[in-house]
Amino acid sequence: MTSKGSKDKDQHFSIEKAFEEVNQLIERLEDPKLSLAESMDLYKKGVELLDQCGKNLDLTEKELIILQEAQES
């Protein structure tokens, strides 16, 4: 179930929504009233989102390369 679960998660991942959420996290991080613990939690969430965006972009690039190679042959 691990590989299928992560594959399902990737299929439902929206890079646009992730970037929107990262922007919201940045706005919240700019709040001077935010505690250090809250800041760290938000930062970690942002890092996780950006990591997932990178993985999603890598996967998309690989798919494009495969399609391009198939078209050329």
N, C-alpha and C. Protein backbone atom coordinates (compact mmCIF):
# COMPACT_ATOMS: atom_id res chain seq x y z
N MET A 1 0.81 -1.20 0.00
CA MET A 1 0.00 0.00 0.00
C MET A 1 0.85 1.26 0.00
N THR A 2 2.09 1.17 0.46
CA THR A 2 2.94 2.34 0.53
C THR A 2 3.14 2.98 -0.83
N SER A 3 3.54 2.19 -1.83
CA SER A 3 3.81 2.78 -3.13
C SER A 3 2.52 3.27 -3.80
N LYS A 4 1.43 2.50 -3.65
CA LYS A 4 0.17 2.93 -4.24
C LYS A 4 -0.35 4.18 -3.54
N GLY A 5 -0.22 4.21 -2.22
CA GLY A 5 -0.68 5.38 -1.46
C GLY A 5 0.08 6.63 -1.84
N SER A 6 1.40 6.52 -2.00
CA SER A 6 2.17 7.70 -2.38
C SER A 6 1.90 8.08 -3.82
N LYS A 7 1.64 7.08 -4.69
CA LYS A 7 1.31 7.39 -6.07
C LYS A 7 -0.02 8.12 -6.14
N ASP A 8 -1.00 7.66 -5.38
CA ASP A 8 -2.30 8.35 -5.33
C ASP A 8 -2.12 9.77 -4.83
N LYS A 9 -1.29 9.95 -3.82
CA LYS A 9 -1.05 11.28 -3.27
C LYS A 9 -0.43 12.18 -4.33
N ASP A 10 0.53 11.66 -5.11
CA ASP A 10 1.16 12.45 -6.16
C ASP A 10 0.17 12.83 -7.24
N GLN A 11 -0.77 11.93 -7.57
CA GLN A 11 -1.74 12.21 -8.62
C GLN A 11 -2.70 13.32 -8.20
N HIS A 12 -2.95 13.46 -6.92
CA HIS A 12 -3.89 14.48 -6.43
C HIS A 12 -3.17 15.75 -6.00
N PHE A 13 -1.86 15.76 -6.13
CA PHE A 13 -1.06 16.92 -5.74
C PHE A 13 -1.21 18.02 -6.78
N SER A 14 -1.46 19.21 -6.32
CA SER A 14 -1.57 20.37 -7.22
C SER A 14 -0.44 21.33 -6.88
N ILE A 15 0.46 21.49 -7.83
CA ILE A 15 1.59 22.39 -7.59
C ILE A 15 1.13 23.83 -7.41
N GLU A 16 0.07 24.19 -8.11
CA GLU A 16 -0.46 25.55 -7.97
C GLU A 16 -0.99 25.79 -6.55
N LYS A 17 -1.72 24.80 -6.03
CA LYS A 17 -2.24 24.93 -4.67
C LYS A 17 -1.11 24.94 -3.65
N ALA A 18 -0.08 24.14 -3.92
CA ALA A 18 1.07 24.10 -3.01
C ALA A 18 1.78 25.44 -2.96
N PHE A 19 1.99 26.06 -4.13
CA PHE A 19 2.64 27.37 -4.15
C PHE A 19 1.77 28.42 -3.46
N GLU A 20 0.47 28.31 -3.64
CA GLU A 20 -0.45 29.24 -2.95
C GLU A 20 -0.33 29.05 -1.44
N GLU A 21 -0.26 27.82 -1.00
CA GLU A 21 -0.13 27.55 0.43
C GLU A 21 1.22 28.04 0.96
N VAL A 22 2.28 27.87 0.18
CA VAL A 22 3.60 28.36 0.59
C VAL A 22 3.54 29.88 0.75
N ASN A 23 2.89 30.56 -0.17
CA ASN A 23 2.76 32.02 -0.05
C ASN A 23 2.00 32.41 1.22
N GLN A 24 0.97 31.64 1.55
CA GLN A 24 0.21 31.91 2.78
C GLN A 24 1.09 31.67 4.00
N LEU A 25 1.91 30.62 3.95
CA LEU A 25 2.83 30.34 5.06
C LEU A 25 3.82 31.48 5.24
N ILE A 26 4.32 32.01 4.13
CA ILE A 26 5.27 33.12 4.19
C ILE A 26 4.62 34.33 4.86
N GLU A 27 3.39 34.62 4.48
CA GLU A 27 2.68 35.75 5.09
C GLU A 27 2.53 35.54 6.60
N ARG A 28 2.20 34.30 6.98
CA ARG A 28 2.05 34.02 8.42
C ARG A 28 3.38 34.12 9.14
N LEU A 29 4.47 33.70 8.48
CA LEU A 29 5.79 33.75 9.09
C LEU A 29 6.26 35.19 9.32
N GLU A 30 5.72 36.12 8.58
CA GLU A 30 6.09 37.52 8.74
C GLU A 30 5.45 38.18 9.95
N ASP A 31 4.55 37.47 10.61
CA ASP A 31 3.87 38.00 11.79
C ASP A 31 4.84 38.01 12.97
N PRO A 32 5.19 39.19 13.50
CA PRO A 32 6.14 39.25 14.61
C PRO A 32 5.61 38.65 15.91
N LYS A 33 4.32 38.43 15.99
CA LYS A 33 3.73 37.86 17.21
C LYS A 33 3.82 36.33 17.24
N LEU A 34 4.25 35.74 16.14
CA LEU A 34 4.34 34.28 16.03
C LEU A 34 5.45 33.75 16.93
N SER A 35 5.15 32.70 17.67
CA SER A 35 6.17 32.12 18.54
C SER A 35 7.21 31.37 17.71
N LEU A 36 8.34 31.10 18.32
CA LEU A 36 9.40 30.37 17.64
C LEU A 36 8.92 28.97 17.24
N ALA A 37 8.21 28.30 18.11
CA ALA A 37 7.70 26.95 17.82
C ALA A 37 6.73 26.98 16.64
N GLU A 38 5.84 27.97 16.63
CA GLU A 38 4.89 28.09 15.52
C GLU A 38 5.63 28.41 14.22
N SER A 39 6.63 29.27 14.30
CA SER A 39 7.43 29.60 13.12
C SER A 39 8.12 28.37 12.56
N MET A 40 8.68 27.56 13.45
CA MET A 40 9.37 26.34 13.00
C MET A 40 8.39 25.37 12.35
N ASP A 41 7.20 25.23 12.91
CA ASP A 41 6.19 24.35 12.33
C ASP A 41 5.80 24.81 10.92
N LEU A 42 5.59 26.11 10.78
CA LEU A 42 5.23 26.66 9.47
C LEU A 42 6.37 26.50 8.48
N TYR A 43 7.59 26.74 8.95
CA TYR A 43 8.77 26.60 8.09
C TYR A 43 8.90 25.16 7.59
N LYS A 44 8.76 24.20 8.51
CA LYS A 44 8.85 22.79 8.14
C LYS A 44 7.79 22.42 7.11
N LYS A 45 6.59 22.92 7.31
CA LYS A 45 5.51 22.64 6.36
C LYS A 45 5.85 23.23 4.99
N GLY A 46 6.41 24.42 4.97
CA GLY A 46 6.81 25.04 3.71
C GLY A 46 7.89 24.24 3.00
N VAL A 47 8.87 23.76 3.76
CA VAL A 47 9.94 22.95 3.19
C VAL A 47 9.37 21.67 2.60
N GLU A 48 8.45 21.03 3.31
CA GLU A 48 7.82 19.81 2.81
C GLU A 48 7.05 20.06 1.52
N LEU A 49 6.31 21.17 1.48
CA LEU A 49 5.56 21.50 0.28
C LEU A 49 6.48 21.76 -0.91
N LEU A 50 7.55 22.51 -0.67
CA LEU A 50 8.49 22.80 -1.76
C LEU A 50 9.21 21.54 -2.22
N ASP A 51 9.49 20.64 -1.29
CA ASP A 51 10.11 19.35 -1.66
C ASP A 51 9.17 18.55 -2.55
N GLN A 52 7.90 18.52 -2.18
CA GLN A 52 6.90 17.81 -2.98
C GLN A 52 6.76 18.47 -4.36
N CYS A 53 6.84 19.80 -4.41
CA CYS A 53 6.79 20.50 -5.70
C CYS A 53 7.96 20.07 -6.58
N GLY A 54 9.14 20.01 -5.98
CA GLY A 54 10.33 19.59 -6.73
C GLY A 54 10.19 18.18 -7.27
N LYS A 55 9.69 17.28 -6.45
CA LYS A 55 9.48 15.89 -6.88
C LYS A 55 8.45 15.84 -8.01
N ASN A 56 7.40 16.62 -7.87
CA ASN A 56 6.36 16.65 -8.89
C ASN A 56 6.91 17.18 -10.21
N LEU A 57 7.71 18.24 -10.14
CA LEU A 57 8.31 18.80 -11.36
C LEU A 57 9.29 17.81 -12.00
N ASP A 58 10.06 17.10 -11.19
CA ASP A 58 10.98 16.09 -11.71
C ASP A 58 10.23 14.99 -12.44
N LEU A 59 9.15 14.53 -11.84
CA LEU A 59 8.33 13.48 -12.45
C LEU A 59 7.73 13.97 -13.77
N THR A 60 7.25 15.18 -13.78
CA THR A 60 6.66 15.75 -15.00
C THR A 60 7.72 15.87 -16.09
N GLU A 61 8.92 16.30 -15.72
CA GLU A 61 10.01 16.42 -16.70
C GLU A 61 10.35 15.05 -17.29
N LYS A 62 10.41 14.03 -16.45
CA LYS A 62 10.70 12.67 -16.93
C LYS A 62 9.63 12.20 -17.91
N GLU A 63 8.38 12.48 -17.59
CA GLU A 63 7.28 12.09 -18.47
C GLU A 63 7.38 12.80 -19.82
N LEU A 64 7.75 14.08 -19.79
CA LEU A 64 7.90 14.83 -21.03
C LEU A 64 9.04 14.29 -21.88
N ILE A 65 10.14 13.91 -21.24
CA ILE A 65 11.26 13.34 -21.97
C ILE A 65 10.87 12.03 -22.62
N ILE A 66 10.14 11.20 -21.91
CA ILE A 66 9.68 9.92 -22.45
C ILE A 66 8.75 10.16 -23.64
N LEU A 67 7.84 11.09 -23.52
CA LEU A 67 6.93 11.40 -24.63
C LEU A 67 7.69 11.93 -25.84
N GLN A 68 8.66 12.79 -25.59
CA GLN A 68 9.44 13.36 -26.68
C GLN A 68 10.26 12.27 -27.37
N GLU A 69 10.87 11.37 -26.60
CA GLU A 69 11.65 10.29 -27.19
C GLU A 69 10.77 9.34 -27.99
N ALA A 70 9.56 9.10 -27.50
CA ALA A 70 8.63 8.22 -28.22
C ALA A 70 8.21 8.86 -29.53
N GLN A 71 8.05 10.16 -29.52
CA GLN A 71 7.62 10.88 -30.72
C GLN A 71 8.74 10.90 -31.77
N GLU A 72 9.98 10.96 -31.31
CA GLU A 72 11.12 11.02 -32.22
C GLU A 72 11.44 9.67 -32.85
N SER A 73 11.01 8.59 -32.24
CA SER A 73 11.34 7.27 -32.78
C SER A 73 10.30 6.75 -33.73
